[in-house]
Each structure stands twice: as C-alpha cells, then as structure tokens.
PDB file of N, CA and C in Angstrom:
ATOM      1  N   GLU A   1      25.694  23.636 -30.327  1.00  0.00           N
ATOM      2  CA  GLU A   1      25.966  24.530 -31.824  1.00  0.00           C
ATOM      3  C   GLU A   1      24.632  24.663 -32.502  1.00  0.00           C
ATOM      4  N   ASN A   2      24.403  25.329 -33.613  1.00  0.00           N
ATOM      5  CA  ASN A   2      23.325  25.607 -34.259  1.00  0.00           C
ATOM      6  C   ASN A   2      23.510  25.069 -35.447  1.00  0.00           C
ATOM      7  N   ILE A   3      22.460  24.460 -35.996  1.00  0.00           N
ATOM      8  CA  ILE A   3      22.503  23.678 -37.291  1.00  0.00           C
ATOM      9  C   ILE A   3      21.926  24.259 -38.193  1.00  0.00           C
ATOM     10  N   ILE A   4      20.776  25.124 -37.886  1.00  0.00           N
ATOM     11  CA  ILE A   4      19.873  26.130 -38.257  1.00  0.00           C
ATOM     12  C   ILE A   4      19.755  27.335 -37.784  1.00  0.00           C
ATOM     13  N   GLU A   5      19.995  28.262 -38.745  1.00  0.00           N
ATOM     14  CA  GLU A   5      19.797  29.702 -37.965  1.00  0.00           C
ATOM     15  C   GLU A   5      18.866  30.693 -38.521  1.00  0.00           C
ATOM     16  N   PRO A   6      18.076  31.333 -37.981  1.00  0.00           N
ATOM     17  CA  PRO A   6      16.856  31.789 -38.511  1.00  0.00           C
ATOM     18  C   PRO A   6      16.902  32.769 -40.045  1.00  0.00           C
ATOM     19  N   HIS A   7      17.888  32.980 -40.118  1.00  0.00           N
ATOM     20  CA  HIS A   7      18.056  33.621 -41.689  1.00  0.00           C
ATOM     21  C   HIS A   7      18.824  32.681 -42.617  1.00  0.00           C
ATOM     22  N   ASP A   8      18.772  31.537 -42.595  1.00  0.00           N
ATOM     23  CA  ASP A   8      19.181  30.832 -43.397  1.00  0.00           C
ATOM     24  C   ASP A   8      18.488  30.099 -44.272  1.00  0.00           C
ATOM     25  N   LEU A   9      18.884  29.783 -45.621  1.00  0.00           N
ATOM     26  CA  LEU A   9      18.192  29.541 -46.662  1.00  0.00           C
ATOM     27  C   LEU A   9      17.676  28.280 -46.600  1.00  0.00           C
ATOM     28  N   ALA A  10      16.347  28.074 -46.960  1.00  0.00           N
ATOM     29  CA  ALA A  10      16.123  26.853 -47.013  1.00  0.00           C
ATOM     30  C   ALA A  10      16.278  25.995 -48.295  1.00  0.00           C
ATOM     31  N   SER A  11      17.741  25.495 -48.127  1.00  0.00           N
ATOM     32  CA  SER A  11      18.134  24.873 -49.489  1.00  0.00           C
ATOM     33  C   SER A  11      18.134  23.250 -48.969  1.00  0.00           C
ATOM     34  N   GLU A  12      18.426  23.039 -48.263  1.00  0.00           N
ATOM     35  CA  GLU A  12      18.446  21.656 -47.577  1.00  0.00           C
ATOM     36  C   GLU A  12      17.693  21.209 -46.445  1.00  0.00           C
ATOM     37  N   MET A  13      17.585  19.833 -46.224  1.00  0.00           N
ATOM     38  CA  MET A  13      16.770  19.314 -45.044  1.00  0.00           C
ATOM     39  C   MET A  13      17.876  18.462 -44.525  1.00  0.00           C
ATOM     40  N   PHE A  14      17.576  18.184 -42.763  1.00  0.00           N
ATOM     41  CA  PHE A  14      18.342  17.744 -42.434  1.00  0.00           C
ATOM     42  C   PHE A  14      17.951  16.324 -41.707  1.00  0.00           C
ATOM     43  N   ILE A  15      18.891  14.876 -41.852  1.00  0.00           N
ATOM     44  CA  ILE A  15      17.999  13.865 -41.135  1.00  0.00           C
ATOM     45  C   ILE A  15      19.051  13.562 -39.851  1.00  0.00           C
ATOM     46  N   VAL A  16      18.590  13.226 -38.933  1.00  0.00           N
ATOM     47  CA  VAL A  16      19.272  13.194 -37.693  1.00  0.00           C
ATOM     48  C   VAL A  16      19.489  11.749 -37.375  1.00  0.00           C
ATOM     49  N   ASP A  17      20.908  11.548 -38.055  1.00  0.00           N
ATOM     50  CA  ASP A  17      21.658  10.028 -37.349  1.00  0.00           C
ATOM     51  C   ASP A  17      21.955   9.947 -36.357  1.00  0.00           C
ATOM     52  N   GLN A  18      21.969  10.478 -35.337  1.00  0.00           N
ATOM     53  CA  GLN A  18      22.754  10.359 -34.207  1.00  0.00           C
ATOM     54  C   GLN A  18      22.764  11.953 -33.275  1.00  0.00           C
ATOM     55  N   GLY A  19      22.441  11.563 -31.935  1.00  0.00           N
ATOM     56  CA  GLY A  19      22.156  12.837 -30.755  1.00  0.00           C
ATOM     57  C   GLY A  19      20.525  13.028 -31.202  1.00  0.00           C
ATOM     58  N   VAL A  20      20.733  14.823 -29.936  1.00  0.00           N
ATOM     59  CA  VAL A  20      19.315  15.354 -30.215  1.00  0.00           C
ATOM     60  C   VAL A  20      19.445  16.469 -30.563  1.00  0.00           C
ATOM     61  N   ILE A  21      18.123  17.186 -31.369  1.00  0.00           N
ATOM     62  CA  ILE A  21      18.060  18.694 -31.572  1.00  0.00           C
ATOM     63  C   ILE A  21      17.043  19.191 -31.020  1.00  0.00           C
ATOM     64  N   MET A  22      16.578  20.763 -30.753  1.00  0.00           N
ATOM     65  CA  MET A  22      15.987  21.006 -30.205  1.00  0.00           C
ATOM     66  C   MET A  22      15.712  22.096 -31.213  1.00  0.00           C
ATOM     67  N   SER A  23      14.238  21.829 -31.662  1.00  0.00           N
ATOM     68  CA  SER A  23      13.489  23.338 -32.949  1.00  0.00           C
ATOM     69  C   SER A  23      12.062  23.821 -32.586  1.00  0.00           C
ATOM     70  N   LYS A  24      11.866  24.859 -32.704  1.00  0.00           N
ATOM     71  CA  LYS A  24      10.402  24.633 -32.648  1.00  0.00           C
ATOM     72  C   LYS A  24       9.693  24.458 -31.592  1.00  0.00           C
ATOM     73  N   GLY A  25      10.279  24.589 -30.461  1.00  0.00           N
ATOM     74  CA  GLY A  25       9.587  23.730 -29.605  1.00  0.00           C
ATOM     75  C   GLY A  25       9.424  22.083 -29.607  1.00  0.00           C
ATOM     76  N   ARG A  26      10.080  21.168 -30.342  1.00  0.00           N
ATOM     77  CA  ARG A  26      10.117  19.506 -30.379  1.00  0.00           C
ATOM     78  C   ARG A  26      11.711  19.366 -30.131  1.00  0.00           C
ATOM     79  N   VAL A  27      11.721  18.465 -29.887  1.00  0.00           N
ATOM     80  CA  VAL A  27      13.096  17.374 -29.990  1.00  0.00           C
ATOM     81  C   VAL A  27      12.885  16.550 -30.998  1.00  0.00           C
ATOM     82  N   TYR A  28      14.264  16.530 -31.880  1.00  0.00           N
ATOM     83  CA  TYR A  28      14.264  15.640 -32.640  1.00  0.00           C
ATOM     84  C   TYR A  28      15.323  14.985 -32.324  1.00  0.00           C
ATOM     85  N   THR A  29      15.002  13.372 -32.617  1.00  0.00           N
ATOM     86  CA  THR A  29      16.291  12.160 -32.426  1.00  0.00           C
ATOM     87  C   THR A  29      16.332  11.574 -34.029  1.00  0.00           C
ATOM     88  N   ARG A  30      17.244  10.177 -33.674  1.00  0.00           N
ATOM     89  CA  ARG A  30      17.728   9.385 -34.227  1.00  0.00           C
ATOM     90  C   ARG A  30      16.205   9.215 -35.417  1.00  0.00           C
ATOM     91  N   GLY A  31      16.940   9.072 -37.001  1.00  0.00           N
ATOM     92  CA  GLY A  31      15.808   9.161 -38.120  1.00  0.00           C
ATOM     93  C   GLY A  31      14.528  10.193 -38.257  1.00  0.00           C
ATOM     94  N   MET A  32      14.377  11.824 -37.394  1.00  0.00           N
ATOM     95  CA  MET A  32      13.724  12.528 -37.009  1.00  0.00           C
ATOM     96  C   MET A  32      14.153  13.417 -38.342  1.00  0.00           C
ATOM     97  N   CYS A  33      13.061  14.161 -39.276  1.00  0.00           N
ATOM     98  CA  CYS A  33      13.743  15.084 -40.454  1.00  0.00           C
ATOM     99  C   CYS A  33      13.308  16.372 -39.733  1.00  0.00           C
ATOM    100  N   ILE A  34      14.248  17.426 -40.048  1.00  0.00           N
ATOM    101  CA  ILE A  34      14.265  18.889 -39.988  1.00  0.00           C
ATOM    102  C   ILE A  34      14.977  19.761 -40.880  1.00  0.00           C
ATOM    103  N   GLY A  35      13.780  20.558 -41.045  1.00  0.00           N
ATOM    104  CA  GLY A  35      14.133  21.876 -42.170  1.00  0.00           C
ATOM    105  C   GLY A  35      13.603  20.968 -43.816  1.00  0.00           C
ATOM    106  N   GLU A  36      12.031  20.334 -43.180  1.00  0.00           N
ATOM    107  CA  GLU A  36      11.455  20.026 -44.309  1.00  0.00           C
ATOM    108  C   GLU A  36      11.095  21.183 -45.643  1.00  0.00           C
ATOM    109  N   GLU A  37      10.927  22.109 -45.082  1.00  0.00           N
ATOM    110  CA  GLU A  37      10.146  23.602 -45.881  1.00  0.00           C
ATOM    111  C   GLU A  37      11.055  23.192 -47.102  1.00  0.00           C
ATOM    112  N   ALA A  38      12.158  22.836 -46.936  1.00  0.00           N
ATOM    113  CA  ALA A  38      13.484  23.187 -47.678  1.00  0.00           C
ATOM    114  C   ALA A  38      13.105  22.521 -49.616  1.00  0.00           C
ATOM    115  N   THR A  39      11.637  21.162 -49.092  1.00  0.00           N
ATOM    116  CA  THR A  39      11.369  20.367 -50.394  1.00  0.00           C
ATOM    117  C   THR A  39      10.383  21.686 -51.125  1.00  0.00           C
ATOM    118  N   TRP A  40       9.735  22.360 -50.427  1.00  0.00           N
ATOM    119  CA  TRP A  40       8.546  23.040 -50.924  1.00  0.00           C
ATOM    120  C   TRP A  40       8.655  24.499 -51.031  1.00  0.00           C
ATOM    121  N   SER A  41      10.084  24.435 -50.997  1.00  0.00           N
ATOM    122  CA  SER A  41      11.013  26.353 -51.105  1.00  0.00           C
ATOM    123  C   SER A  41      11.183  26.305 -52.621  1.00  0.00           C
ATOM    124  N   ILE A  42      10.749  27.315 -53.306  1.00  0.00           N
ATOM    125  CA  ILE A  42      11.074  27.357 -54.914  1.00  0.00           C
ATOM    126  C   ILE A  42      12.583  27.558 -55.037  1.00  0.00           C
ATOM    127  N   GLN A  43      12.973  27.031 -55.707  1.00  0.00           N
ATOM    128  CA  GLN A  43      14.675  26.873 -55.670  1.00  0.00           C
ATOM    129  C   GLN A  43      15.316  28.013 -55.717  1.00  0.00           C
ATOM    130  N   GLU A  44      15.012  28.702 -56.554  1.00  0.00           N
ATOM    131  CA  GLU A  44      15.695  30.068 -57.175  1.00  0.00           C
ATOM    132  C   GLU A  44      15.645  30.845 -56.411  1.00  0.00           C
ATOM    133  N   ASP A  45      14.455  31.048 -55.708  1.00  0.00           N
ATOM    134  CA  ASP A  45      14.205  32.513 -54.230  1.00  0.00           C
ATOM    135  C   ASP A  45      14.638  31.833 -53.415  1.00  0.00           C
ATOM    136  N   GLY A  46      14.188  30.675 -53.050  1.00  0.00           N
ATOM    137  CA  GLY A  46      14.759  29.711 -51.420  1.00  0.00           C
ATOM    138  C   GLY A  46      13.471  30.183 -50.865  1.00  0.00           C
ATOM    139  N   GLU A  47      13.543  29.532 -49.705  1.00  0.00           N
ATOM    140  CA  GLU A  47      12.908  30.502 -48.545  1.00  0.00           C
ATOM    141  C   GLU A  47      13.469  30.580 -47.196  1.00  0.00           C
ATOM    142  N   ILE A  48      13.518  31.431 -46.479  1.00  0.00           N
ATOM    143  CA  ILE A  48      14.344  31.691 -45.117  1.00  0.00           C
ATOM    144  C   ILE A  48      13.780  31.528 -43.944  1.00  0.00           C
ATOM    145  N   ARG A  49      14.552  30.540 -43.691  1.00  0.00           N
ATOM    146  CA  ARG A  49      13.535  29.373 -42.291  1.00  0.00           C
ATOM    147  C   ARG A  49      12.919  30.313 -41.234  1.00  0.00           C
ATOM    148  N   GLY A  50      14.013  31.628 -40.576  1.00  0.00           N
ATOM    149  CA  GLY A  50      12.708  31.898 -39.579  1.00  0.00           C
ATOM    150  C   GLY A  50      12.698  31.589 -38.054  1.00  0.00           C
ATOM    151  N   TYR A  51      13.207  30.517 -38.434  1.00  0.00           N
ATOM    152  CA  TYR A  51      13.534  29.221 -36.682  1.00  0.00           C
ATOM    153  C   TYR A  51      14.758  28.866 -37.027  1.00  0.00           C
ATOM    154  N   GLN A  52      15.375  28.508 -35.290  1.00  0.00           N
ATOM    155  CA  GLN A  52      16.844  28.098 -34.832  1.00  0.00           C
ATOM    156  C   GLN A  52      16.371  26.467 -35.391  1.00  0.00           C
ATOM    157  N   ALA A  53      17.679  25.818 -35.216  1.00  0.00           N
ATOM    158  CA  ALA A  53      17.445  23.871 -34.475  1.00  0.00           C
ATOM    159  C   ALA A  53      19.191  24.322 -33.550  1.00  0.00           C
ATOM    160  N   THR A  54      18.676  23.780 -33.195  1.00  0.00           N
ATOM    161  CA  THR A  54      20.183  24.042 -31.835  1.00  0.00           C
ATOM    162  C   THR A  54      20.225  22.353 -31.861  1.00  0.00           C
ATOM    163  N   ALA A  55      21.979  21.349 -31.170  1.00  0.00           N
ATOM    164  CA  ALA A  55      22.215  20.281 -31.025  1.00  0.00           C
ATOM    165  C   ALA A  55      22.364  20.726 -29.702  1.00  0.00           C
ATOM    166  N   LEU A  56      21.319  19.715 -28.846  1.00  0.00           N
ATOM    167  CA  LEU A  56      21.702  19.633 -27.443  1.00  0.00           C
ATOM    168  C   LEU A  56      22.546  18.742 -27.136  1.00  0.00           C
ATOM    169  N   THR A  57      23.097  17.879 -27.801  1.00  0.00           N
ATOM    170  CA  THR A  57      24.136  17.043 -27.448  1.00  0.00           C
ATOM    171  C   THR A  57      24.602  16.465 -29.129  1.00  0.00           C
ATOM    172  N   HIS A  58      26.112  15.523 -28.480  1.00  0.00           N
ATOM    173  CA  HIS A  58      26.832  15.443 -29.694  1.00  0.00           C
ATOM    174  C   HIS A  58      25.657  15.083 -31.276  1.00  0.00           C
ATOM    175  N   THR A  59      25.735  15.657 -31.921  1.00  0.00           N
ATOM    176  CA  THR A  59      25.096  15.203 -33.584  1.00  0.00           C
ATOM    177  C   THR A  59      25.933  15.180 -34.401  1.00  0.00           C
ATOM    178  N   LYS A  60      24.876  13.899 -35.230  1.00  0.00           N
ATOM    179  CA  LYS A  60      25.339  13.771 -36.586  1.00  0.00           C
ATOM    180  C   LYS A  60      24.470  13.825 -37.321  1.00  0.00           C
ATOM    181  N   VAL A  61      24.264  14.369 -38.437  1.00  0.00           N
ATOM    182  CA  VAL A  61      23.167  15.038 -39.282  1.00  0.00           C
ATOM    183  C   VAL A  61      23.507  14.488 -40.654  1.00  0.00           C
ATOM    184  N   ASN A  62      22.549  13.998 -41.701  1.00  0.00           N
ATOM    185  CA  ASN A  62      22.920  13.736 -42.908  1.00  0.00           C
ATOM    186  C   ASN A  62      22.192  14.857 -43.962  1.00  0.00           C
ATOM    187  N   VAL A  63      22.504  15.311 -44.219  1.00  0.00           N
ATOM    188  CA  VAL A  63      22.437  16.507 -45.537  1.00  0.00           C
ATOM    189  C   VAL A  63      21.877  16.129 -47.024  1.00  0.00           C
ATOM    190  N   LEU A  64      20.264  16.260 -46.823  1.00  0.00           N
ATOM    191  CA  LEU A  64      19.893  16.384 -48.243  1.00  0.00           C
ATOM    192  C   LEU A  64      19.620  17.607 -49.021  1.00  0.00           C
ATOM    193  N   CYS A  65      19.943  17.998 -49.674  1.00  0.00           N
ATOM    194  CA  CYS A  65      20.000  19.096 -50.884  1.00  0.00           C
ATOM    195  C   CYS A  65      18.677  18.665 -51.335  1.00  0.00           C
ATOM    196  N   THR A  66      17.641  20.089 -51.643  1.00  0.00           N
ATOM    197  CA  THR A  66      16.487  19.813 -52.206  1.00  0.00           C
ATOM    198  C   THR A  66      17.330  19.596 -54.080  1.00  0.00           C
ATOM    199  N   HIS A  67      17.937  19.932 -54.607  1.00  0.00           N
ATOM    200  CA  HIS A  67      18.324  19.698 -55.706  1.00  0.00           C
ATOM    201  C   HIS A  67      18.388  18.263 -55.734  1.00  0.00           C
ATOM    202  N   ASP A  68      18.967  17.429 -55.302  1.00  0.00           N
ATOM    203  CA  ASP A  68      19.605  16.024 -54.763  1.00  0.00           C
ATOM    204  C   ASP A  68      18.253  14.988 -55.221  1.00  0.00           C
ATOM    205  N   LEU A  69      17.324  15.717 -53.740  1.00  0.00           N
ATOM    206  CA  LEU A  69      16.015  15.059 -53.899  1.00  0.00           C
ATOM    207  C   LEU A  69      15.230  14.932 -55.029  1.00  0.00           C
ATOM    208  N   PHE A  70      14.895  15.719 -55.547  1.00  0.00           N
ATOM    209  CA  PHE A  70      14.451  16.199 -56.990  1.00  0.00           C
ATOM    210  C   PHE A  70      15.139  15.131 -58.035  1.00  0.00           C
ATOM    211  N   SER A  71      16.616  14.972 -58.153  1.00  0.00           N
ATOM    212  CA  SER A  71      17.519  14.794 -58.517  1.00  0.00           C
ATOM    213  C   SER A  71      17.219  12.301 -58.829  1.00  0.00           C
ATOM    214  N   ILE A  72      17.204  12.916 -57.504  1.00  0.00           N
ATOM    215  CA  ILE A  72      16.655  11.078 -57.117  1.00  0.00           C
ATOM    216  C   ILE A  72      15.086  10.522 -58.014  1.00  0.00           C
ATOM    217  N   LEU A  73      14.679  11.355 -57.126  1.00  0.00           N
ATOM    218  CA  LEU A  73      13.061  11.321 -57.420  1.00  0.00           C
ATOM    219  C   LEU A  73      12.413  11.115 -58.962  1.00  0.00           C
ATOM    220  N   ASP A  74      13.058  12.059 -59.812  1.00  0.00           N
ATOM    221  CA  ASP A  74      13.246  11.775 -61.666  1.00  0.00           C
ATOM    222  C   ASP A  74      13.442  10.784 -61.840  1.00  0.00           C
ATOM    223  N   ARG A  75      14.115   9.815 -61.056  1.00  0.00           N
ATOM    224  CA  ARG A  75      14.461   8.606 -61.728  1.00  0.00           C
ATOM    225  C   ARG A  75      13.542   7.315 -61.989  1.00  0.00           C
ATOM    226  N   PRO A  76      13.285   6.841 -62.519  1.00  0.00           N
ATOM    227  CA  PRO A  76      12.289   5.943 -63.110  1.00  0.00           C
ATOM    228  C   PRO A  76      11.640   5.040 -61.834  1.00  0.00           C
ATOM    229  N   GLN A  77      12.745   4.807 -60.930  1.00  0.00           N
ATOM    230  CA  GLN A  77      12.291   3.864 -60.206  1.00  0.00           C
ATOM    231  C   GLN A  77      11.876   3.800 -59.068  1.00  0.00           C
ATOM    232  N   PHE A  78      11.692   5.175 -59.107  1.00  0.00           N
ATOM    233  CA  PHE A  78      10.775   6.254 -57.868  1.00  0.00           C
ATOM    234  C   PHE A  78       9.346   6.798 -58.240  1.00  0.00           C
ATOM    235  N   LYS A  79       9.159   6.067 -59.361  1.00  0.00           N
ATOM    236  CA  LYS A  79       7.534   6.782 -60.082  1.00  0.00           C
ATOM    237  C   LYS A  79       6.040   7.049 -58.631  1.00  0.00           C
ATOM    238  N   VAL A  80       6.812   6.130 -57.722  1.00  0.00           N
ATOM    239  CA  VAL A  80       5.567   5.962 -56.666  1.00  0.00           C
ATOM    240  C   VAL A  80       6.195   6.757 -55.500  1.00  0.00           C
ATOM    241  N   GLU A  81       7.163   6.854 -55.511  1.00  0.00           N
ATOM    242  CA  GLU A  81       7.582   7.824 -54.113  1.00  0.00           C
ATOM    243  C   GLU A  81       7.998   9.121 -54.593  1.00  0.00           C
ATOM    244  N   LYS A  82       7.977   9.460 -55.824  1.00  0.00           N
ATOM    245  CA  LYS A  82       8.341  10.557 -56.360  1.00  0.00           C
ATOM    246  C   LYS A  82       6.672  11.346 -56.194  1.00  0.00           C
ATOM    247  N   LEU A  83       5.614  10.328 -56.838  1.00  0.00           N
ATOM    248  CA  LEU A  83       4.123  10.892 -56.511  1.00  0.00           C
ATOM    249  C   LEU A  83       3.859  11.507 -55.377  1.00  0.00           C
ATOM    250  N   TYR A  84       4.057  10.496 -54.019  1.00  0.00           N
ATOM    251  CA  TYR A  84       3.728  10.597 -52.462  1.00  0.00           C
ATOM    252  C   TYR A  84       4.793  11.808 -52.083  1.00  0.00           C
ATOM    253  N   VAL A  85       5.901  12.428 -52.588  1.00  0.00           N
ATOM    254  CA  VAL A  85       6.484  13.331 -51.984  1.00  0.00           C
ATOM    255  C   VAL A  85       6.103  14.806 -52.438  1.00  0.00           C
ATOM    256  N   ARG A  86       5.167  14.346 -53.522  1.00  0.00           N
ATOM    257  CA  ARG A  86       4.504  15.749 -54.624  1.00  0.00           C
ATOM    258  C   ARG A  86       3.341  16.032 -53.769  1.00  0.00           C
ATOM    259  N   LYS A  87       2.448  15.000 -53.026  1.00  0.00           N
ATOM    260  CA  LYS A  87       1.542  15.152 -52.350  1.00  0.00           C
ATOM    261  C   LYS A  87       1.584  15.792 -51.011  1.00  0.00           C
ATOM    262  N   ALA A  88       2.294  15.272 -50.260  1.00  0.00           N
ATOM    263  CA  ALA A  88       2.858  15.606 -48.947  1.00  0.00           C
ATOM    264  C   ALA A  88       3.584  17.131 -48.636  1.00  0.00           C
ATOM    265  N   ILE A  89       4.158  17.565 -50.400  1.00  0.00           N
ATOM    266  CA  ILE A  89       4.310  19.035 -50.314  1.00  0.00           C
ATOM    267  C   ILE A  89       3.476  19.913 -50.634  1.00  0.00           C
ATOM    268  N   VAL A  90       2.561  19.360 -51.267  1.00  0.00           N
ATOM    269  CA  VAL A  90       1.087  20.233 -51.551  1.00  0.00           C
ATOM    270  C   VAL A  90       0.559  20.139 -50.513  1.00  0.00           C
ATOM    271  N   ARG A  91       0.186  19.395 -49.437  1.00  0.00           N
ATOM    272  CA  ARG A  91      -0.442  19.193 -48.144  1.00  0.00           C
ATOM    273  C   ARG A  91       0.325  20.142 -47.127  1.00  0.00           C
ATOM    274  N   ALA A  92       1.744  20.220 -47.286  1.00  0.00           N
ATOM    275  CA  ALA A  92       2.643  20.720 -46.444  1.00  0.00           C
ATOM    276  C   ALA A  92       1.849  23.070 -46.785  1.00  0.00           C
ATOM    277  N   GLN A  93       2.160  22.951 -48.482  1.00  0.00           N
ATOM    278  CA  GLN A  93       2.132  24.309 -48.545  1.00  0.00           C
ATOM    279  C   GLN A  93       0.980  24.894 -47.925  1.00  0.00           C
ATOM    280  N   CYS A  94      -0.243  23.844 -48.369  1.00  0.00           N
ATOM    281  CA  CYS A  94      -1.549  24.393 -48.373  1.00  0.00           C
ATOM    282  C   CYS A  94      -2.068  24.985 -46.756  1.00  0.00           C
ATOM    283  N   CYS A  95      -1.146  23.858 -46.046  1.00  0.00           N
ATOM    284  CA  CYS A  95      -1.336  24.470 -44.634  1.00  0.00           C
ATOM    285  C   CYS A  95      -0.139  25.448 -44.634  1.00  0.00           C
ATOM    286  N   GLN A  96       0.949  25.149 -44.908  1.00  0.00           N
ATOM    287  CA  GLN A  96       1.604  26.843 -44.370  1.00  0.00           C
ATOM    288  C   GLN A  96       0.874  28.664 -45.111  1.00  0.00           C
ATOM    289  N   LEU A  97       0.028  28.203 -46.094  1.00  0.00           N
ATOM    290  CA  LEU A  97      -0.474  29.129 -46.392  1.00  0.00           C
ATOM    291  C   LEU A  97      -1.720  29.595 -45.726  1.00  0.00           C
ATOM    292  N   ALA A  98      -2.545  28.807 -45.024  1.00  0.00           N
ATOM    293  CA  ALA A  98      -3.882  28.594 -44.463  1.00  0.00           C
ATOM    294  C   ALA A  98      -3.100  29.289 -43.406  1.00  0.00           C
ATOM    295  N   ILE A  99      -2.296  29.036 -42.843  1.00  0.00           N
ATOM    296  CA  ILE A  99      -1.650  29.825 -41.366  1.00  0.00           C
ATOM    297  C   ILE A  99      -1.298  31.107 -41.930  1.00  0.00           C
ATOM    298  N   LYS A 100      -0.733  31.248 -43.070  1.00  0.00           N
ATOM    299  CA  LYS A 100       0.012  32.484 -43.273  1.00  0.00           C
ATOM    300  C   LYS A 100      -1.351  33.844 -43.369  1.00  0.00           C
ATOM    301  N   PHE A 101      -2.209  32.922 -44.177  1.00  0.00           N
ATOM    302  CA  PHE A 101      -3.651  33.833 -44.444  1.00  0.00           C
ATOM    303  C   PHE A 101      -3.909  34.499 -43.015  1.00  0.00           C
ATOM    304  N   ASN A 102      -3.942  33.576 -42.551  1.00  0.00           N
ATOM    305  CA  ASN A 102      -4.785  33.917 -41.004  1.00  0.00           C
ATOM    306  C   ASN A 102      -4.074  34.694 -40.099  1.00  0.00           C
ATOM    307  N   GLN A 103      -2.743  34.648 -40.069  1.00  0.00           N
ATOM    308  CA  GLN A 103      -2.154  35.327 -39.477  1.00  0.00           C
ATOM    309  C   GLN A 103      -2.370  36.838 -39.874  1.00  0.00           C
ATOM    310  N   VAL A 104      -2.281  37.440 -41.289  1.00  0.00           N
ATOM    311  CA  VAL A 104      -2.719  38.517 -41.953  1.00  0.00           C
ATOM    312  C   VAL A 104      -4.240  39.034 -41.048  1.00  0.00           C
ATOM    313  N   LEU A 105      -4.846  38.077 -41.510  1.00  0.00           N
ATOM    314  CA  LEU A 105      -6.495  38.219 -40.910  1.00  0.00           C
ATOM    315  C   LEU A 105      -6.557  38.967 -39.665  1.00  0.00           C
ATOM    316  N   LYS A 106      -5.379  38.116 -38.526  1.00  0.00           N
ATOM    317  CA  LYS A 106      -5.781  38.147 -37.361  1.00  0.00           C
ATOM    318  C   LYS A 106      -5.476  40.101 -36.924  1.00  0.00           C
ATOM    319  N   LYS A 107      -4.697  40.540 -37.746  1.00  0.00           N
ATOM    320  CA  LYS A 107      -4.397  41.977 -37.686  1.00  0.00           C
ATOM    321  C   LYS A 107      -5.471  42.472 -37.962  1.00  0.00           C
ATOM    322  N   GLY A 108      -6.242  41.986 -38.408  1.00  0.00           N
ATOM    323  CA  GLY A 108      -7.843  42.995 -38.765  1.00  0.00           C
ATOM    324  C   GLY A 108      -7.994  43.136 -40.104  1.00  0.00           C
ATOM    325  N   VAL A 109      -9.477  42.948 -40.294  1.00  0.00           N
ATOM    326  CA  VAL A 109      -9.803  42.513 -41.852  1.00  0.00           C
ATOM    327  C   VAL A 109      -9.814  44.076 -41.992  1.00  0.00           C
ATOM    328  N   LYS A 110      -8.929  45.164 -42.724  1.00  0.00           N
ATOM    329  CA  LYS A 110      -9.042  46.290 -43.322  1.00  0.00           C
ATOM    330  C   LYS A 110      -8.966  46.182 -44.631  1.00  0.00           C
ATOM    331  N   LYS A 111      -9.181  47.299 -45.439  1.00  0.00           N
ATOM    332  CA  LYS A 111      -9.294  47.593 -46.799  1.00  0.00           C
ATOM    333  C   LYS A 111      -7.924  46.829 -47.716  1.00  0.00           C
ATOM    334  N   SER A 112      -6.642  47.413 -46.106  1.00  0.00           N
ATOM    335  CA  SER A 112      -5.589  47.191 -46.389  1.00  0.00           C
ATOM    336  C   SER A 112      -5.027  45.977 -46.376  1.00  0.00           C
ATOM    337  N   ASN A 113      -5.301  45.296 -45.087  1.00  0.00           N
ATOM    338  CA  ASN A 113      -4.940  44.177 -45.021  1.00  0.00           C
ATOM    339  C   ASN A 113      -5.357  42.965 -46.082  1.00  0.00           C
ATOM    340  N   PHE A 114      -6.323  42.900 -46.220  1.00  0.00           N
ATOM    341  CA  PHE A 114      -6.914  42.075 -47.053  1.00  0.00           C
ATOM    342  C   PHE A 114      -6.133  41.295 -48.042  1.00  0.00           C
ATOM    343  N   PRO A 115      -5.781  42.375 -49.499  1.00  0.00           N
ATOM    344  CA  PRO A 115      -4.906  42.401 -50.493  1.00  0.00           C
ATOM    345  C   PRO A 115      -3.533  41.901 -50.046  1.00  0.00           C
ATOM    346  N   LEU A 116      -2.962  42.165 -48.825  1.00  0.00           N
ATOM    347  CA  LEU A 116      -1.670  41.456 -48.274  1.00  0.00           C
ATOM    348  C   LEU A 116      -2.150  39.905 -48.271  1.00  0.00           C
ATOM    349  N   GLY A 117      -3.245  39.440 -47.652  1.00  0.00           N
ATOM    350  CA  GLY A 117      -3.214  38.057 -47.107  1.00  0.00           C
ATOM    351  C   GLY A 117      -3.742  37.164 -48.661  1.00  0.00           C
ATOM    352  N   CYS A 118      -4.693  38.354 -49.476  1.00  0.00           N
ATOM    353  CA  CYS A 118      -4.363  37.624 -50.799  1.00  0.00           C
ATOM    354  C   CYS A 118      -2.869  37.032 -51.518  1.00  0.00           C
ATOM    355  N   GLN A 119      -2.504  37.885 -51.377  1.00  0.00           N
ATOM    356  CA  GLN A 119      -1.008  38.187 -51.632  1.00  0.00           C
ATOM    357  C   GLN A 119       0.031  36.772 -51.051  1.00  0.00           C
ATOM    358  N   CYS A 120      -0.397  36.393 -49.791  1.00  0.00           N
ATOM    359  CA  CYS A 120       0.966  35.395 -49.201  1.00  0.00           C
ATOM    360  C   CYS A 120      -0.262  34.529 -49.977  1.00  0.00           C
ATOM    361  N   VAL A 121      -0.949  34.438 -50.461  1.00  0.00           N
ATOM    362  CA  VAL A 121      -1.744  32.877 -50.792  1.00  0.00           C
ATOM    363  C   VAL A 121      -1.208  33.065 -52.323  1.00  0.00           C
ATOM    364  N   ARG A 122      -1.092  33.613 -52.787  1.00  0.00           N
ATOM    365  CA  ARG A 122      -0.580  33.454 -54.639  1.00  0.00           C
ATOM    366  C   ARG A 122       0.879  33.017 -54.412  1.00  0.00           C
ATOM    367  N   LYS A 123       1.897  33.956 -53.401  1.00  0.00           N
ATOM    368  CA  LYS A 123       2.978  33.203 -53.532  1.00  0.00           C
ATOM    369  C   LYS A 123       2.968  31.593 -53.158  1.00  0.00           C
TER     370      LYS A 123
END
C-alpha cells in the first residue's frame, strides 16, 4: 500500500509506529519520520511531494499535520523545542534550495537558465 504518492500535497508528516516503509531508497522503521518536508512547505500553497512511500509490511503510522505541529509548538512550554524545530527547518530549506539551484545550473549556465536558478532560490 502506498502511504505517499508523488502528486500528494506535503501537508502532514508520518511517524512509523509499526512496520516497514520504503521510500527514496531508504527503509523507514519504528520511530522514524517520513514526509518531513511538510514542516517547511508553505501552508497556503503546500509543496508537491514528488516521491512515493510504500508499506512493505503491515504498517501503522501516526500522522502529524503541519498545522497541528505548529499549534503545539506555539504553546509557552515548548519554547526551546520550537526554536530547535525552526532551526532544523531553515537548515533543511537551505539544503533543498542548494540542490534545486545546482540542478538548474547542471543544465548549463546560459543566459536563460540563470534567472530560473535564482527564481528557485527566491521561493
């Protein structure tokens, strides 16, 4: 069974409670998260996942919606955790942008491609 389809909107992440999931060349087991890009996608637009996650065994996952995660982190008792999550999100976004920019540049630095690369960094 597919848990994530390539065209799905990244509005939640999944925490494996039981079973085995295969995605992006990795195996995810109990306690591991998949779909963490939901934490850094823009809530109004979302982000299309672009990959598939498939349960290899009988699997139980917990779903954490982006909105719920940030509602919890906005509580005063989670100030430290909120800061930690925000820093992790910024790091992940920087990595994603660098990868996207590199992919555009690999196509060749032409006058027409460079603005496209800059545009993906601005998003």
